[in-house]
Amino acid sequence: MNDERGLSVTYSEPRPGVVRVALSGDLDYETSDELAATADAALQAAVDPHELRLDCSELGFCDSYGLAALLMLRRRTAAAGIALHLDHRGNALDRLLHMTSTWEHLTGERPADRAKQLDT
């Protein structure tokens, strides 16, 4: 999908070992590589990272390529012993995770509890 919003990805280390990556815009075919590259750079710059927190509060659309990028990050962080957190998810991302059965894998949360909230 060619979306005019694009994606802005920035990172910081608010606490030692905790890397925060903020997403603003749409995560899709055109922008998923940017997320992967920025997250890799952020983790390499951090001293002994043990958490990667993706701030999704300003994330707009997420398509299947965006979901694939999130899954790839999950694989990489798990292999490195780094916890991945998807913070401040909106309803659209939560629905995507629920519909694709990736909820628990990407969030560590039980899907049934959140699914009830989404159905209302």
PDB file of N, CA and C in Angstrom:
ATOM      1  N   MET A   1       0.842  -1.189   0.000  1.00  0.00           N
ATOM      2  CA  MET A   1       0.000   0.000   0.000  1.00  0.00           C
ATOM      3  C   MET A   1       0.869   1.227   0.000  1.00  0.00           C
ATOM      4  N   ASN A   2       0.572   2.176  -0.829  1.00  0.00           N
ATOM      5  CA  ASN A   2       1.310   3.420  -0.893  1.00  0.00           C
ATOM      6  C   ASN A   2       0.518   4.478  -0.128  1.00  0.00           C
ATOM      7  N   ASP A   3       0.956   4.773   1.087  1.00  0.00           N
ATOM      8  CA  ASP A   3       0.228   5.697   1.937  1.00  0.00           C
ATOM      9  C   ASP A   3       1.013   6.991   2.064  1.00  0.00           C
ATOM     10  N   GLU A   4       0.317   8.109   1.973  1.00  0.00           N
ATOM     11  CA  GLU A   4       0.966   9.406   2.013  1.00  0.00           C
ATOM     12  C   GLU A   4       1.471   9.773   3.395  1.00  0.00           C
ATOM     13  N   ARG A   5       0.979   9.119   4.440  1.00  0.00           N
ATOM     14  CA  ARG A   5       1.411   9.455   5.796  1.00  0.00           C
ATOM     15  C   ARG A   5       2.847   9.077   6.056  1.00  0.00           C
ATOM     16  N   GLY A   6       3.326   8.006   5.455  1.00  0.00           N
ATOM     17  CA  GLY A   6       4.672   7.554   5.740  1.00  0.00           C
ATOM     18  C   GLY A   6       4.806   7.115   7.187  1.00  0.00           C
ATOM     19  N   LEU A   7       6.038   7.041   7.642  1.00  0.00           N
ATOM     20  CA  LEU A   7       6.302   6.606   9.008  1.00  0.00           C
ATOM     21  C   LEU A   7       7.509   7.363   9.533  1.00  0.00           C
ATOM     22  N   SER A   8       7.373   7.882  10.719  1.00  0.00           N
ATOM     23  CA  SER A   8       8.484   8.489  11.434  1.00  0.00           C
ATOM     24  C   SER A   8       8.830   7.554  12.576  1.00  0.00           C
ATOM     25  N   VAL A   9      10.094   7.193  12.682  1.00  0.00           N
ATOM     26  CA  VAL A   9      10.538   6.274  13.725  1.00  0.00           C
ATOM     27  C   VAL A   9      11.711   6.917  14.456  1.00  0.00           C
ATOM     28  N   THR A  10      11.551   7.108  15.755  1.00  0.00           N
ATOM     29  CA  THR A  10      12.618   7.673  16.578  1.00  0.00           C
ATOM     30  C   THR A  10      12.852   6.762  17.769  1.00  0.00           C
ATOM     31  N   TYR A  11      14.049   6.859  18.345  1.00  0.00           N
ATOM     32  CA  TYR A  11      14.316   6.020  19.499  1.00  0.00           C
ATOM     33  C   TYR A  11      15.053   6.782  20.586  1.00  0.00           C
ATOM     34  N   SER A  12      14.927   6.245  21.785  1.00  0.00           N
ATOM     35  CA  SER A  12      15.625   6.800  22.944  1.00  0.00           C
ATOM     36  C   SER A  12      15.868   5.659  23.926  1.00  0.00           C
ATOM     37  N   GLU A  13      16.663   5.944  24.936  1.00  0.00           N
ATOM     38  CA  GLU A  13      16.905   4.969  25.998  1.00  0.00           C
ATOM     39  C   GLU A  13      16.535   5.659  27.318  1.00  0.00           C
ATOM     40  N   PRO A  14      15.235   5.584  27.698  1.00  0.00           N
ATOM     41  CA  PRO A  14      14.774   6.311  28.881  1.00  0.00           C
ATOM     42  C   PRO A  14      15.395   5.816  30.192  1.00  0.00           C
ATOM     43  N   ARG A  15      15.758   4.546  30.230  1.00  0.00           N
ATOM     44  CA  ARG A  15      16.429   3.946  31.382  1.00  0.00           C
ATOM     45  C   ARG A  15      17.492   3.003  30.843  1.00  0.00           C
ATOM     46  N   PRO A  16      18.533   2.760  31.595  1.00  0.00           N
ATOM     47  CA  PRO A  16      19.548   1.814  31.129  1.00  0.00           C
ATOM     48  C   PRO A  16      18.926   0.461  30.784  1.00  0.00           C
ATOM     49  N   GLY A  17      19.215  -0.025  29.601  1.00  0.00           N
ATOM     50  CA  GLY A  17      18.717  -1.325  29.160  1.00  0.00           C
ATOM     51  C   GLY A  17      17.335  -1.315  28.548  1.00  0.00           C
ATOM     52  N   VAL A  18      16.651  -0.170  28.600  1.00  0.00           N
ATOM     53  CA  VAL A  18      15.300  -0.060  28.039  1.00  0.00           C
ATOM     54  C   VAL A  18      15.353   0.861  26.827  1.00  0.00           C
ATOM     55  N   VAL A  19      14.997   0.318  25.679  1.00  0.00           N
ATOM     56  CA  VAL A  19      14.993   1.079  24.438  1.00  0.00           C
ATOM     57  C   VAL A  19      13.550   1.364  24.054  1.00  0.00           C
ATOM     58  N   ARG A  20      13.253   2.630  23.789  1.00  0.00           N
ATOM     59  CA  ARG A  20      11.903   3.041  23.376  1.00  0.00           C
ATOM     60  C   ARG A  20      11.975   3.488  21.929  1.00  0.00           C
ATOM     61  N   VAL A  21      11.147   2.879  21.096  1.00  0.00           N
ATOM     62  CA  VAL A  21      11.036   3.262  19.688  1.00  0.00           C
ATOM     63  C   VAL A  21       9.624   3.784  19.469  1.00  0.00           C
ATOM     64  N   ALA A  22       9.521   5.048  19.064  1.00  0.00           N
ATOM     65  CA  ALA A  22       8.216   5.679  18.845  1.00  0.00           C
ATOM     66  C   ALA A  22       7.877   5.640  17.365  1.00  0.00           C
ATOM     67  N   LEU A  23       6.664   5.178  17.063  1.00  0.00           N
ATOM     68  CA  LEU A  23       6.177   5.088  15.690  1.00  0.00           C
ATOM     69  C   LEU A  23       5.116   6.149  15.477  1.00  0.00           C
ATOM     70  N   SER A  24       5.233   6.873  14.396  1.00  0.00           N
ATOM     71  CA  SER A  24       4.224   7.876  14.057  1.00  0.00           C
ATOM     72  C   SER A  24       3.932   7.765  12.566  1.00  0.00           C
ATOM     73  N   GLY A  25       2.709   7.404  12.236  1.00  0.00           N
ATOM     74  CA  GLY A  25       2.323   7.231  10.837  1.00  0.00           C
ATOM     75  C   GLY A  25       1.878   5.812  10.583  1.00  0.00           C
ATOM     76  N   ASP A  26       2.057   5.363   9.360  1.00  0.00           N
ATOM     77  CA  ASP A  26       1.558   4.057   8.937  1.00  0.00           C
ATOM     78  C   ASP A  26       2.688   3.062   8.739  1.00  0.00           C
ATOM     79  N   LEU A  27       2.482   1.870   9.247  1.00  0.00           N
ATOM     80  CA  LEU A  27       3.442   0.781   9.121  1.00  0.00           C
ATOM     81  C   LEU A  27       2.926  -0.155   8.037  1.00  0.00           C
ATOM     82  N   ASP A  28       3.580  -0.106   6.876  1.00  0.00           N
ATOM     83  CA  ASP A  28       3.088  -0.861   5.732  1.00  0.00           C
ATOM     84  C   ASP A  28       4.244  -1.298   4.845  1.00  0.00           C
ATOM     85  N   TYR A  29       3.921  -1.716   3.641  1.00  0.00           N
ATOM     86  CA  TYR A  29       4.914  -2.196   2.679  1.00  0.00           C
ATOM     87  C   TYR A  29       6.040  -1.183   2.475  1.00  0.00           C
ATOM     88  N   GLU A  30       5.686   0.063   2.376  1.00  0.00           N
ATOM     89  CA  GLU A  30       6.666   1.118   2.102  1.00  0.00           C
ATOM     90  C   GLU A  30       7.550   1.448   3.302  1.00  0.00           C
ATOM     91  N   THR A  31       7.083   1.176   4.523  1.00  0.00           N
ATOM     92  CA  THR A  31       7.776   1.679   5.708  1.00  0.00           C
ATOM     93  C   THR A  31       8.290   0.613   6.670  1.00  0.00           C
ATOM     94  N   SER A  32       7.949  -0.637   6.451  1.00  0.00           N
ATOM     95  CA  SER A  32       8.320  -1.672   7.420  1.00  0.00           C
ATOM     96  C   SER A  32       9.835  -1.845   7.549  1.00  0.00           C
ATOM     97  N   ASP A  33      10.575  -1.654   6.470  1.00  0.00           N
ATOM     98  CA  ASP A  33      12.036  -1.758   6.549  1.00  0.00           C
ATOM     99  C   ASP A  33      12.618  -0.663   7.443  1.00  0.00           C
ATOM    100  N   GLU A  34      11.991   0.508   7.444  1.00  0.00           N
ATOM    101  CA  GLU A  34      12.460   1.614   8.281  1.00  0.00           C
ATOM    102  C   GLU A  34      12.341   1.255   9.767  1.00  0.00           C
ATOM    103  N   LEU A  35      11.239   0.625  10.130  1.00  0.00           N
ATOM    104  CA  LEU A  35      11.081   0.190  11.516  1.00  0.00           C
ATOM    105  C   LEU A  35      12.174  -0.801  11.888  1.00  0.00           C
ATOM    106  N   ALA A  36      12.396  -1.793  11.049  1.00  0.00           N
ATOM    107  CA  ALA A  36      13.403  -2.810  11.337  1.00  0.00           C
ATOM    108  C   ALA A  36      14.792  -2.192  11.479  1.00  0.00           C
ATOM    109  N   ALA A  37      15.144  -1.300  10.566  1.00  0.00           N
ATOM    110  CA  ALA A  37      16.474  -0.675  10.597  1.00  0.00           C
ATOM    111  C   ALA A  37      16.641   0.197  11.845  1.00  0.00           C
ATOM    112  N   THR A  38      15.621   0.955  12.189  1.00  0.00           N
ATOM    113  CA  THR A  38      15.716   1.830  13.351  1.00  0.00           C
ATOM    114  C   THR A  38      15.772   1.028  14.645  1.00  0.00           C
ATOM    115  N   ALA A  39      14.956  -0.008  14.746  1.00  0.00           N
ATOM    116  CA  ALA A  39      14.985  -0.850  15.953  1.00  0.00           C
ATOM    117  C   ALA A  39      16.344  -1.529  16.097  1.00  0.00           C
ATOM    118  N   ASP A  40      16.913  -2.019  14.998  1.00  0.00           N
ATOM    119  CA  ASP A  40      18.241  -2.634  15.049  1.00  0.00           C
ATOM    120  C   ASP A  40      19.287  -1.624  15.513  1.00  0.00           C
ATOM    121  N   ALA A  41      19.247  -0.424  14.954  1.00  0.00           N
ATOM    122  CA  ALA A  41      20.207   0.619  15.334  1.00  0.00           C
ATOM    123  C   ALA A  41      20.050   0.992  16.806  1.00  0.00           C
ATOM    124  N   ALA A  42      18.813   1.104  17.255  1.00  0.00           N
ATOM    125  CA  ALA A  42      18.551   1.466  18.651  1.00  0.00           C
ATOM    126  C   ALA A  42      19.089   0.402  19.605  1.00  0.00           C
ATOM    127  N   LEU A  43      18.876  -0.855  19.281  1.00  0.00           N
ATOM    128  CA  LEU A  43      19.353  -1.934  20.142  1.00  0.00           C
ATOM    129  C   LEU A  43      20.874  -2.020  20.132  1.00  0.00           C
ATOM    130  N   GLN A  44      21.483  -1.758  18.990  1.00  0.00           N
ATOM    131  CA  GLN A  44      22.945  -1.777  18.914  1.00  0.00           C
ATOM    132  C   GLN A  44      23.561  -0.618  19.691  1.00  0.00           C
ATOM    133  N   ALA A  45      22.877   0.527  19.733  1.00  0.00           N
ATOM    134  CA  ALA A  45      23.388   1.701  20.435  1.00  0.00           C
ATOM    135  C   ALA A  45      23.221   1.584  21.951  1.00  0.00           C
ATOM    136  N   ALA A  46      22.282   0.778  22.396  1.00  0.00           N
ATOM    137  CA  ALA A  46      21.995   0.645  23.828  1.00  0.00           C
ATOM    138  C   ALA A  46      23.047  -0.214  24.516  1.00  0.00           C
ATOM    139  N   VAL A  47      23.258   0.081  25.792  1.00  0.00           N
ATOM    140  CA  VAL A  47      24.166  -0.715  26.601  1.00  0.00           C
ATOM    141  C   VAL A  47      23.361  -1.807  27.295  1.00  0.00           C
ATOM    142  N   ASP A  48      23.656  -3.045  26.977  1.00  0.00           N
ATOM    143  CA  ASP A  48      23.006  -4.210  27.575  1.00  0.00           C
ATOM    144  C   ASP A  48      21.475  -4.098  27.561  1.00  0.00           C
ATOM    145  N   PRO A  49      20.881  -4.001  26.375  1.00  0.00           N
ATOM    146  CA  PRO A  49      19.412  -3.860  26.318  1.00  0.00           C
ATOM    147  C   PRO A  49      18.703  -5.133  26.773  1.00  0.00           C
ATOM    148  N   HIS A  50      17.631  -4.941  27.556  1.00  0.00           N
ATOM    149  CA  HIS A  50      16.819  -6.085  27.978  1.00  0.00           C
ATOM    150  C   HIS A  50      15.339  -5.878  27.657  1.00  0.00           C
ATOM    151  N   GLU A  51      14.963  -4.665  27.210  1.00  0.00           N
ATOM    152  CA  GLU A  51      13.581  -4.382  26.805  1.00  0.00           C
ATOM    153  C   GLU A  51      13.572  -3.496  25.574  1.00  0.00           C
ATOM    154  N   LEU A  52      12.695  -3.826  24.637  1.00  0.00           N
ATOM    155  CA  LEU A  52      12.403  -2.964  23.491  1.00  0.00           C
ATOM    156  C   LEU A  52      10.930  -2.613  23.587  1.00  0.00           C
ATOM    157  N   ARG A  53      10.652  -1.334  23.779  1.00  0.00           N
ATOM    158  CA  ARG A  53       9.274  -0.868  23.943  1.00  0.00           C
ATOM    159  C   ARG A  53       8.904  -0.047  22.707  1.00  0.00           C
ATOM    160  N   LEU A  54       7.978  -0.583  21.911  1.00  0.00           N
ATOM    161  CA  LEU A  54       7.477   0.143  20.753  1.00  0.00           C
ATOM    162  C   LEU A  54       6.288   0.985  21.196  1.00  0.00           C
ATOM    163  N   ASP A  55       6.406   2.292  21.069  1.00  0.00           N
ATOM    164  CA  ASP A  55       5.314   3.199  21.418  1.00  0.00           C
ATOM    165  C   ASP A  55       4.432   3.340  20.190  1.00  0.00           C
ATOM    166  N   CYS A  56       3.258   2.746  20.250  1.00  0.00           N
ATOM    167  CA  CYS A  56       2.331   2.709  19.114  1.00  0.00           C
ATOM    168  C   CYS A  56       1.224   3.757  19.225  1.00  0.00           C
ATOM    169  N   SER A  57       1.369   4.722  20.125  1.00  0.00           N
ATOM    170  CA  SER A  57       0.297   5.703  20.365  1.00  0.00           C
ATOM    171  C   SER A  57      -0.022   6.538  19.129  1.00  0.00           C
ATOM    172  N   GLU A  58       0.950   6.748  18.257  1.00  0.00           N
ATOM    173  CA  GLU A  58       0.708   7.536  17.048  1.00  0.00           C
ATOM    174  C   GLU A  58       0.775   6.689  15.778  1.00  0.00           C
ATOM    175  N   LEU A  59       0.688   5.374  15.962  1.00  0.00           N
ATOM    176  CA  LEU A  59       0.674   4.471  14.815  1.00  0.00           C
ATOM    177  C   LEU A  59      -0.698   4.515  14.170  1.00  0.00           C
ATOM    178  N   GLY A  60      -0.726   4.730  12.864  1.00  0.00           N
ATOM    179  CA  GLY A  60      -1.996   4.737  12.137  1.00  0.00           C
ATOM    180  C   GLY A  60      -2.309   3.343  11.635  1.00  0.00           C
ATOM    181  N   PHE A  61      -2.232   3.172  10.356  1.00  0.00           N
ATOM    182  CA  PHE A  61      -2.543   1.918   9.683  1.00  0.00           C
ATOM    183  C   PHE A  61      -1.383   0.937   9.818  1.00  0.00           C
ATOM    184  N   CYS A  62      -1.700  -0.342   9.936  1.00  0.00           N
ATOM    185  CA  CYS A  62      -0.691  -1.399   9.922  1.00  0.00           C
ATOM    186  C   CYS A  62      -1.204  -2.499   9.009  1.00  0.00           C
ATOM    187  N   ASP A  63      -0.479  -2.764   7.914  1.00  0.00           N
ATOM    188  CA  ASP A  63      -0.911  -3.816   6.989  1.00  0.00           C
ATOM    189  C   ASP A  63      -0.134  -5.103   7.254  1.00  0.00           C
ATOM    190  N   SER A  64      -0.265  -6.067   6.361  1.00  0.00           N
ATOM    191  CA  SER A  64       0.382  -7.361   6.569  1.00  0.00           C
ATOM    192  C   SER A  64       1.906  -7.250   6.578  1.00  0.00           C
ATOM    193  N   TYR A  65       2.472  -6.321   5.819  1.00  0.00           N
ATOM    194  CA  TYR A  65       3.918  -6.123   5.849  1.00  0.00           C
ATOM    195  C   TYR A  65       4.340  -5.532   7.191  1.00  0.00           C
ATOM    196  N   GLY A  66       3.532  -4.628   7.721  1.00  0.00           N
ATOM    197  CA  GLY A  66       3.802  -4.078   9.041  1.00  0.00           C
ATOM    198  C   GLY A  66       3.742  -5.156  10.109  1.00  0.00           C
ATOM    199  N   LEU A  67       2.737  -6.015  10.012  1.00  0.00           N
ATOM    200  CA  LEU A  67       2.630  -7.127  10.946  1.00  0.00           C
ATOM    201  C   LEU A  67       3.844  -8.047  10.822  1.00  0.00           C
ATOM    202  N   ALA A  68       4.269  -8.304   9.600  1.00  0.00           N
ATOM    203  CA  ALA A  68       5.464  -9.137   9.387  1.00  0.00           C
ATOM    204  C   ALA A  68       6.693  -8.497  10.029  1.00  0.00           C
ATOM    205  N   ALA A  69       6.805  -7.176   9.958  1.00  0.00           N
ATOM    206  CA  ALA A  69       7.928  -6.476  10.586  1.00  0.00           C
ATOM    207  C   ALA A  69       7.872  -6.641  12.102  1.00  0.00           C
ATOM    208  N   LEU A  70       6.685  -6.553  12.680  1.00  0.00           N
ATOM    209  CA  LEU A  70       6.542  -6.751  14.123  1.00  0.00           C
ATOM    210  C   LEU A  70       6.912  -8.180  14.519  1.00  0.00           C
ATOM    211  N   LEU A  71       6.492  -9.148  13.722  1.00  0.00           N
ATOM    212  CA  LEU A  71       6.826 -10.546  13.996  1.00  0.00           C
ATOM    213  C   LEU A  71       8.328 -10.790  13.878  1.00  0.00           C
ATOM    214  N   MET A  72       8.958 -10.153  12.890  1.00  0.00           N
ATOM    215  CA  MET A  72      10.404 -10.285  12.726  1.00  0.00           C
ATOM    216  C   MET A  72      11.124  -9.700  13.940  1.00  0.00           C
ATOM    217  N   LEU A  73      10.664  -8.530  14.403  1.00  0.00           N
ATOM    218  CA  LEU A  73      11.257  -7.939  15.602  1.00  0.00           C
ATOM    219  C   LEU A  73      11.089  -8.861  16.799  1.00  0.00           C
ATOM    220  N   ARG A  74       9.947  -9.481  16.904  1.00  0.00           N
ATOM    221  CA  ARG A  74       9.700 -10.412  18.006  1.00  0.00           C
ATOM    222  C   ARG A  74      10.675 -11.579  17.960  1.00  0.00           C
ATOM    223  N   ARG A  75      10.899 -12.128  16.772  1.00  0.00           N
ATOM    224  CA  ARG A  75      11.863 -13.233  16.632  1.00  0.00           C
ATOM    225  C   ARG A  75      13.262 -12.781  17.028  1.00  0.00           C
ATOM    226  N   ARG A  76      13.674 -11.622  16.541  1.00  0.00           N
ATOM    227  CA  ARG A  76      15.025 -11.128  16.827  1.00  0.00           C
ATOM    228  C   ARG A  76      15.214 -10.816  18.309  1.00  0.00           C
ATOM    229  N   THR A  77      14.241 -10.173  18.912  1.00  0.00           N
ATOM    230  CA  THR A  77      14.384  -9.824  20.324  1.00  0.00           C
ATOM    231  C   THR A  77      14.355 -11.073  21.191  1.00  0.00           C
ATOM    232  N   ALA A  78      13.485 -12.013  20.879  1.00  0.00           N
ATOM    233  CA  ALA A  78      13.428 -13.250  21.655  1.00  0.00           C
ATOM    234  C   ALA A  78      14.756 -14.001  21.574  1.00  0.00           C
ATOM    235  N   ALA A  79      15.343 -14.057  20.391  1.00  0.00           N
ATOM    236  CA  ALA A  79      16.616 -14.748  20.211  1.00  0.00           C
ATOM    237  C   ALA A  79      17.738 -14.073  21.003  1.00  0.00           C
ATOM    238  N   ALA A  80      17.623 -12.760  21.196  1.00  0.00           N
ATOM    239  CA  ALA A  80      18.643 -12.009  21.931  1.00  0.00           C
ATOM    240  C   ALA A  80      18.320 -11.882  23.421  1.00  0.00           C
ATOM    241  N   GLY A  81      17.199 -12.472  23.860  1.00  0.00           N
ATOM    242  CA  GLY A  81      16.817 -12.375  25.257  1.00  0.00           C
ATOM    243  C   GLY A  81      16.282 -11.004  25.656  1.00  0.00           C
ATOM    244  N   ILE A  82      15.703 -10.299  24.698  1.00  0.00           N
ATOM    245  CA  ILE A  82      15.167  -8.960  24.919  1.00  0.00           C
ATOM    246  C   ILE A  82      13.643  -9.038  24.878  1.00  0.00           C
ATOM    247  N   ALA A  83      13.001  -8.479  25.886  1.00  0.00           N
ATOM    248  CA  ALA A  83      11.534  -8.474  25.935  1.00  0.00           C
ATOM    249  C   ALA A  83      11.001  -7.398  24.990  1.00  0.00           C
ATOM    250  N   LEU A  84      10.007  -7.750  24.185  1.00  0.00           N
ATOM    251  CA  LEU A  84       9.358  -6.803  23.280  1.00  0.00           C
ATOM    252  C   LEU A  84       7.999  -6.422  23.849  1.00  0.00           C
ATOM    253  N   HIS A  85       7.725  -5.115  23.878  1.00  0.00           N
ATOM    254  CA  HIS A  85       6.448  -4.608  24.351  1.00  0.00           C
ATOM    255  C   HIS A  85       5.845  -3.695  23.293  1.00  0.00           C
ATOM    256  N   LEU A  86       4.572  -3.859  23.020  1.00  0.00           N
ATOM    257  CA  LEU A  86       3.840  -2.961  22.123  1.00  0.00           C
ATOM    258  C   LEU A  86       2.980  -2.061  23.002  1.00  0.00           C
ATOM    259  N   ASP A  87       3.485  -0.882  23.309  1.00  0.00           N
ATOM    260  CA  ASP A  87       2.823   0.032  24.231  1.00  0.00           C
ATOM    261  C   ASP A  87       1.840   0.940  23.517  1.00  0.00           C
ATOM    262  N   HIS A  88       0.780   1.291  24.219  1.00  0.00           N
ATOM    263  CA  HIS A  88      -0.203   2.276  23.746  1.00  0.00           C
ATOM    264  C   HIS A  88      -0.806   1.892  22.398  1.00  0.00           C
ATOM    265  N   ARG A  89      -1.176   0.624  22.267  1.00  0.00           N
ATOM    266  CA  ARG A  89      -1.789   0.148  21.020  1.00  0.00           C
ATOM    267  C   ARG A  89      -3.186   0.727  20.875  1.00  0.00           C
ATOM    268  N   GLY A  90      -3.532   1.070  19.656  1.00  0.00           N
ATOM    269  CA  GLY A  90      -4.887   1.504  19.361  1.00  0.00           C
ATOM    270  C   GLY A  90      -5.767   0.312  19.028  1.00  0.00           C
ATOM    271  N   ASN A  91      -7.065   0.567  18.900  1.00  0.00           N
ATOM    272  CA  ASN A  91      -8.009  -0.509  18.602  1.00  0.00           C
ATOM    273  C   ASN A  91      -7.741  -1.184  17.265  1.00  0.00           C
ATOM    274  N   ALA A  92      -7.299  -0.417  16.263  1.00  0.00           N
ATOM    275  CA  ALA A  92      -7.050  -1.018  14.948  1.00  0.00           C
ATOM    276  C   ALA A  92      -5.924  -2.045  15.019  1.00  0.00           C
ATOM    277  N   LEU A  93      -4.837  -1.720  15.701  1.00  0.00           N
ATOM    278  CA  LEU A  93      -3.736  -2.677  15.831  1.00  0.00           C
ATOM    279  C   LEU A  93      -4.179  -3.871  16.673  1.00  0.00           C
ATOM    280  N   ASP A  94      -4.909  -3.611  17.739  1.00  0.00           N
ATOM    281  CA  ASP A  94      -5.401  -4.719  18.560  1.00  0.00           C
ATOM    282  C   ASP A  94      -6.291  -5.662  17.752  1.00  0.00           C
ATOM    283  N   ARG A  95      -7.151  -5.116  16.924  1.00  0.00           N
ATOM    284  CA  ARG A  95      -8.009  -5.965  16.076  1.00  0.00           C
ATOM    285  C   ARG A  95      -7.176  -6.793  15.110  1.00  0.00           C
ATOM    286  N   LEU A  96      -6.176  -6.177  14.498  1.00  0.00           N
ATOM    287  CA  LEU A  96      -5.306  -6.903  13.574  1.00  0.00           C
ATOM    288  C   LEU A  96      -4.621  -8.068  14.290  1.00  0.00           C
ATOM    289  N   LEU A  97      -4.088  -7.813  15.465  1.00  0.00           N
ATOM    290  CA  LEU A  97      -3.419  -8.874  16.223  1.00  0.00           C
ATOM    291  C   LEU A  97      -4.401  -9.980  16.606  1.00  0.00           C
ATOM    292  N   HIS A  98      -5.599  -9.583  16.970  1.00  0.00           N
ATOM    293  CA  HIS A  98      -6.617 -10.567  17.337  1.00  0.00           C
ATOM    294  C   HIS A  98      -7.037 -11.401  16.114  1.00  0.00           C
ATOM    295  N   MET A  99      -7.317 -10.737  15.003  1.00  0.00           N
ATOM    296  CA  MET A  99      -7.788 -11.442  13.793  1.00  0.00           C
ATOM    297  C   MET A  99      -6.733 -12.367  13.211  1.00  0.00           C
ATOM    298  N   THR A 100      -5.459 -12.049  13.403  1.00  0.00           N
ATOM    299  CA  THR A 100      -4.387 -12.859  12.835  1.00  0.00           C
ATOM    300  C   THR A 100      -3.802 -13.852  13.834  1.00  0.00           C
ATOM    301  N   SER A 101      -4.417 -13.924  15.002  1.00  0.00           N
ATOM    302  CA  SER A 101      -3.972 -14.847  16.059  1.00  0.00           C
ATOM    303  C   SER A 101      -2.517 -14.616  16.462  1.00  0.00           C
ATOM    304  N   THR A 102      -2.084 -13.370  16.392  1.00  0.00           N
ATOM    305  CA  THR A 102      -0.722 -13.033  16.803  1.00  0.00           C
ATOM    306  C   THR A 102      -0.707 -12.255  18.110  1.00  0.00           C
ATOM    307  N   TRP A 103      -1.888 -12.052  18.678  1.00  0.00           N
ATOM    308  CA  TRP A 103      -2.035 -11.241  19.889  1.00  0.00           C
ATOM    309  C   TRP A 103      -1.097 -11.689  21.004  1.00  0.00           C
ATOM    310  N   GLU A 104      -1.288 -12.921  21.445  1.00  0.00           N
ATOM    311  CA  GLU A 104      -0.519 -13.416  22.588  1.00  0.00           C
ATOM    312  C   GLU A 104       0.968 -13.480  22.257  1.00  0.00           C
ATOM    313  N   HIS A 105       1.300 -13.861  21.060  1.00  0.00           N
ATOM    314  CA  HIS A 105       2.703 -13.962  20.650  1.00  0.00           C
ATOM    315  C   HIS A 105       3.396 -12.606  20.707  1.00  0.00           C
ATOM    316  N   LEU A 106       2.719 -11.559  20.249  1.00  0.00           N
ATOM    317  CA  LEU A 106       3.349 -10.239  20.212  1.00  0.00           C
ATOM    318  C   LEU A 106       3.189  -9.434  21.495  1.00  0.00           C
ATOM    319  N   THR A 107       2.169  -9.723  22.280  1.00  0.00           N
ATOM    320  CA  THR A 107       1.940  -8.915  23.476  1.00  0.00           C
ATOM    321  C   THR A 107       2.198  -9.656  24.776  1.00  0.00           C
ATOM    322  N   GLY A 108       2.138 -10.968  24.743  1.00  0.00           N
ATOM    323  CA  GLY A 108       2.265 -11.741  25.966  1.00  0.00           C
ATOM    324  C   GLY A 108       0.990 -11.735  26.789  1.00  0.00           C
ATOM    325  N   GLU A 109      -0.052 -11.101  26.289  1.00  0.00           N
ATOM    326  CA  GLU A 109      -1.325 -11.013  26.995  1.00  0.00           C
ATOM    327  C   GLU A 109      -2.266 -12.108  26.514  1.00  0.00           C
ATOM    328  N   ARG A 110      -3.217 -12.440  27.345  1.00  0.00           N
ATOM    329  CA  ARG A 110      -4.250 -13.394  26.947  1.00  0.00           C
ATOM    330  C   ARG A 110      -5.210 -12.687  25.994  1.00  0.00           C
ATOM    331  N   PRO A 111      -5.477 -13.254  24.839  1.00  0.00           N
ATOM    332  CA  PRO A 111      -6.326 -12.579  23.858  1.00  0.00           C
ATOM    333  C   PRO A 111      -7.796 -12.493  24.252  1.00  0.00           C
ATOM    334  N   ALA A 112      -8.289 -13.407  25.028  1.00  0.00           N
ATOM    335  CA  ALA A 112      -9.723 -13.436  25.338  1.00  0.00           C
ATOM    336  C   ALA A 112     -10.159 -12.185  26.094  1.00  0.00           C
ATOM    337  N   ASP A 113      -9.341 -11.708  27.019  1.00  0.00           N
ATOM    338  CA  ASP A 113      -9.712 -10.541  27.809  1.00  0.00           C
ATOM    339  C   ASP A 113      -9.839  -9.297  26.936  1.00  0.00           C
ATOM    340  N   ARG A 114      -8.896  -9.077  26.052  1.00  0.00           N
ATOM    341  CA  ARG A 114      -8.937  -7.896  25.195  1.00  0.00           C
ATOM    342  C   ARG A 114      -9.990  -8.047  24.100  1.00  0.00           C
ATOM    343  N   ALA A 115     -10.211  -9.250  23.630  1.00  0.00           N
ATOM    344  CA  ALA A 115     -11.204  -9.472  22.582  1.00  0.00           C
ATOM    345  C   ALA A 115     -12.593  -9.044  23.061  1.00  0.00           C
ATOM    346  N   LYS A 116     -12.881  -9.298  24.316  1.00  0.00           N
ATOM    347  CA  LYS A 116     -14.164  -8.881  24.872  1.00  0.00           C
ATOM    348  C   LYS A 116     -14.316  -7.365  24.800  1.00  0.00           C
ATOM    349  N   GLN A 117     -13.246  -6.636  25.057  1.00  0.00           N
ATOM    350  CA  GLN A 117     -13.275  -5.178  24.999  1.00  0.00           C
ATOM    351  C   GLN A 117     -13.476  -4.700  23.559  1.00  0.00           C
ATOM    352  N   LEU A 118     -12.848  -5.375  22.613  1.00  0.00           N
ATOM    353  CA  LEU A 118     -12.947  -4.972  21.207  1.00  0.00           C
ATOM    354  C   LEU A 118     -14.322  -5.241  20.629  1.00  0.00           C
ATOM    355  N   ASP A 119     -15.031  -6.226  21.138  1.00  0.00           N
ATOM    356  CA  ASP A 119     -16.344  -6.580  20.609  1.00  0.00           C
ATOM    357  C   ASP A 119     -17.426  -5.606  21.048  1.00  0.00           C
ATOM    358  N   THR A 120     -17.147  -4.766  22.016  1.00  0.00           N
ATOM    359  CA  THR A 120     -18.168  -3.838  22.503  1.00  0.00           C
ATOM    360  C   THR A 120     -18.226  -2.588  21.674  1.00  0.00           C
TER     361      THR A 120
END
